[in-house]
């Protein structure tokens, strides 16, 4: 999902965050030439534990 044409949002509902999910988001950031992305997993007891912020280093 692209928010305000600036932030890429990847939403998941999985038991564990796999490294491939982070790699996917980094790829999306590079291909779209965007700087900031969030990976959010809704399958956690505390939602704050499901957030991961990724910054694309140009």
N, C-alpha and C. Protein backbone atom coordinates (compact mmCIF):
# COMPACT_ATOMS: atom_id res chain seq x y z
N UNK A 1 0.85 -1.15 0.00
CA UNK A 1 0.00 0.00 0.00
C UNK A 1 0.91 1.24 0.00
N UNK A 2 0.58 2.20 -0.81
CA UNK A 2 1.35 3.44 -0.88
C UNK A 2 0.55 4.55 -0.20
N UNK A 3 1.14 5.16 0.81
CA UNK A 3 0.47 6.21 1.58
C UNK A 3 1.04 7.57 1.21
N UNK A 4 0.15 8.48 0.78
CA UNK A 4 0.53 9.85 0.43
C UNK A 4 1.69 9.91 -0.56
N UNK A 5 1.82 8.89 -1.38
CA UNK A 5 2.88 8.81 -2.40
C UNK A 5 4.29 8.91 -1.79
N UNK A 6 4.43 8.58 -0.51
CA UNK A 6 5.72 8.69 0.17
C UNK A 6 6.11 7.45 0.96
N UNK A 7 5.15 6.80 1.60
CA UNK A 7 5.42 5.71 2.53
C UNK A 7 4.81 4.42 1.99
N UNK A 8 5.60 3.35 2.00
CA UNK A 8 5.10 2.05 1.60
C UNK A 8 4.73 1.28 2.87
N UNK A 9 3.52 0.74 2.87
CA UNK A 9 3.00 0.01 4.02
C UNK A 9 2.75 -1.43 3.61
N UNK A 10 3.41 -2.36 4.30
CA UNK A 10 3.24 -3.79 4.05
C UNK A 10 2.55 -4.37 5.28
N UNK A 11 1.37 -4.94 5.08
CA UNK A 11 0.58 -5.45 6.19
C UNK A 11 0.56 -6.98 6.14
N UNK A 12 0.83 -7.59 7.30
CA UNK A 12 0.87 -9.05 7.41
C UNK A 12 0.05 -9.49 8.62
N UNK A 13 -0.31 -10.77 8.63
CA UNK A 13 -0.92 -11.41 9.79
C UNK A 13 -0.32 -12.81 9.86
N UNK A 14 0.92 -12.89 10.33
CA UNK A 14 1.68 -14.14 10.35
C UNK A 14 2.15 -14.43 11.78
N UNK A 15 2.50 -15.70 12.02
CA UNK A 15 2.96 -16.09 13.35
C UNK A 15 4.32 -15.49 13.70
N UNK A 16 5.20 -15.41 12.71
CA UNK A 16 6.53 -14.82 12.97
C UNK A 16 6.98 -14.02 11.75
N UNK A 17 7.72 -12.96 12.04
CA UNK A 17 8.23 -12.12 10.96
C UNK A 17 9.49 -12.77 10.38
N UNK A 18 9.39 -13.18 9.15
CA UNK A 18 10.50 -13.81 8.46
C UNK A 18 11.39 -12.76 7.81
N UNK A 19 12.67 -13.02 7.66
CA UNK A 19 13.57 -12.06 7.00
C UNK A 19 13.17 -11.74 5.56
N UNK A 20 12.48 -12.67 4.92
CA UNK A 20 12.05 -12.43 3.54
C UNK A 20 11.06 -11.27 3.45
N UNK A 21 10.27 -11.03 4.49
CA UNK A 21 9.32 -9.92 4.49
C UNK A 21 10.05 -8.58 4.48
N UNK A 22 11.12 -8.50 5.25
CA UNK A 22 11.94 -7.28 5.26
C UNK A 22 12.61 -7.09 3.90
N UNK A 23 13.12 -8.16 3.34
CA UNK A 23 13.76 -8.09 2.01
C UNK A 23 12.75 -7.63 0.95
N UNK A 24 11.52 -8.11 1.04
CA UNK A 24 10.49 -7.69 0.10
C UNK A 24 10.25 -6.19 0.19
N UNK A 25 10.11 -5.70 1.42
CA UNK A 25 9.84 -4.28 1.61
C UNK A 25 11.00 -3.43 1.11
N UNK A 26 12.22 -3.84 1.35
CA UNK A 26 13.38 -3.10 0.86
C UNK A 26 13.37 -3.07 -0.67
N UNK A 27 13.01 -4.18 -1.28
CA UNK A 27 12.91 -4.24 -2.75
C UNK A 27 11.84 -3.28 -3.25
N UNK A 28 10.68 -3.26 -2.59
CA UNK A 28 9.61 -2.34 -2.98
C UNK A 28 10.08 -0.89 -2.86
N UNK A 29 10.81 -0.58 -1.79
CA UNK A 29 11.30 0.79 -1.60
C UNK A 29 12.26 1.18 -2.71
N UNK A 30 13.15 0.29 -3.06
CA UNK A 30 14.12 0.59 -4.11
C UNK A 30 13.45 0.75 -5.47
N UNK A 31 12.53 -0.15 -5.79
CA UNK A 31 11.87 -0.09 -7.10
C UNK A 31 10.98 1.14 -7.24
N UNK A 32 10.33 1.53 -6.15
CA UNK A 32 9.45 2.69 -6.19
C UNK A 32 10.19 4.00 -5.91
N UNK A 33 11.49 3.90 -5.60
CA UNK A 33 12.32 5.06 -5.28
C UNK A 33 11.73 5.86 -4.10
N UNK A 34 11.36 5.12 -3.06
CA UNK A 34 10.81 5.73 -1.85
C UNK A 34 11.78 5.52 -0.70
N UNK A 35 11.68 6.36 0.31
CA UNK A 35 12.65 6.32 1.40
C UNK A 35 12.16 5.56 2.63
N UNK A 36 10.85 5.56 2.89
CA UNK A 36 10.35 5.03 4.15
C UNK A 36 9.28 3.96 3.93
N UNK A 37 9.37 2.89 4.73
CA UNK A 37 8.37 1.83 4.68
C UNK A 37 8.12 1.26 6.05
N UNK A 38 6.92 0.75 6.24
CA UNK A 38 6.54 0.11 7.49
C UNK A 38 6.07 -1.30 7.21
N UNK A 39 6.53 -2.23 8.01
CA UNK A 39 6.10 -3.61 7.96
C UNK A 39 5.31 -3.85 9.24
N UNK A 40 4.02 -4.18 9.10
CA UNK A 40 3.15 -4.32 10.26
C UNK A 40 2.56 -5.72 10.29
N UNK A 41 2.73 -6.38 11.44
CA UNK A 41 2.16 -7.71 11.66
C UNK A 41 1.03 -7.57 12.68
N UNK A 42 -0.19 -7.93 12.27
CA UNK A 42 -1.34 -7.83 13.16
C UNK A 42 -1.56 -9.08 14.00
N UNK A 43 -0.76 -10.12 13.81
CA UNK A 43 -0.93 -11.36 14.55
C UNK A 43 0.01 -11.39 15.77
N UNK A 44 -0.06 -10.36 16.61
CA UNK A 44 0.74 -10.28 17.83
C UNK A 44 -0.17 -9.83 18.98
N UNK A 45 0.24 -10.12 20.21
CA UNK A 45 -0.59 -9.75 21.35
C UNK A 45 -0.56 -8.23 21.60
N UNK A 46 0.60 -7.62 21.44
CA UNK A 46 0.73 -6.16 21.54
C UNK A 46 1.08 -5.62 20.16
N UNK A 47 0.26 -4.72 19.65
CA UNK A 47 0.46 -4.23 18.28
C UNK A 47 1.82 -3.55 18.10
N UNK A 48 2.33 -2.90 19.15
CA UNK A 48 3.63 -2.24 19.04
C UNK A 48 4.75 -3.24 18.76
N UNK A 49 4.56 -4.50 19.13
CA UNK A 49 5.56 -5.53 18.85
C UNK A 49 5.53 -5.96 17.39
N UNK A 50 4.49 -5.60 16.67
CA UNK A 50 4.36 -6.00 15.28
C UNK A 50 4.83 -4.96 14.28
N UNK A 51 5.33 -3.81 14.75
CA UNK A 51 5.78 -2.75 13.85
C UNK A 51 7.27 -2.85 13.55
N UNK A 52 7.62 -2.65 12.31
CA UNK A 52 9.03 -2.57 11.91
C UNK A 52 9.15 -1.43 10.90
N UNK A 53 10.03 -0.48 11.17
CA UNK A 53 10.25 0.67 10.29
C UNK A 53 11.51 0.42 9.48
N UNK A 54 11.41 0.60 8.17
CA UNK A 54 12.53 0.37 7.27
C UNK A 54 12.82 1.66 6.50
N UNK A 55 14.08 2.09 6.51
CA UNK A 55 14.49 3.28 5.77
C UNK A 55 15.39 2.84 4.65
N UNK A 56 15.06 3.25 3.43
CA UNK A 56 15.86 2.93 2.25
C UNK A 56 17.05 3.89 2.20
N UNK A 57 18.24 3.33 2.19
CA UNK A 57 19.45 4.16 2.10
C UNK A 57 19.82 4.31 0.64
N UNK A 58 19.61 5.49 0.12
CA UNK A 58 19.85 5.75 -1.30
C UNK A 58 21.29 5.58 -1.63
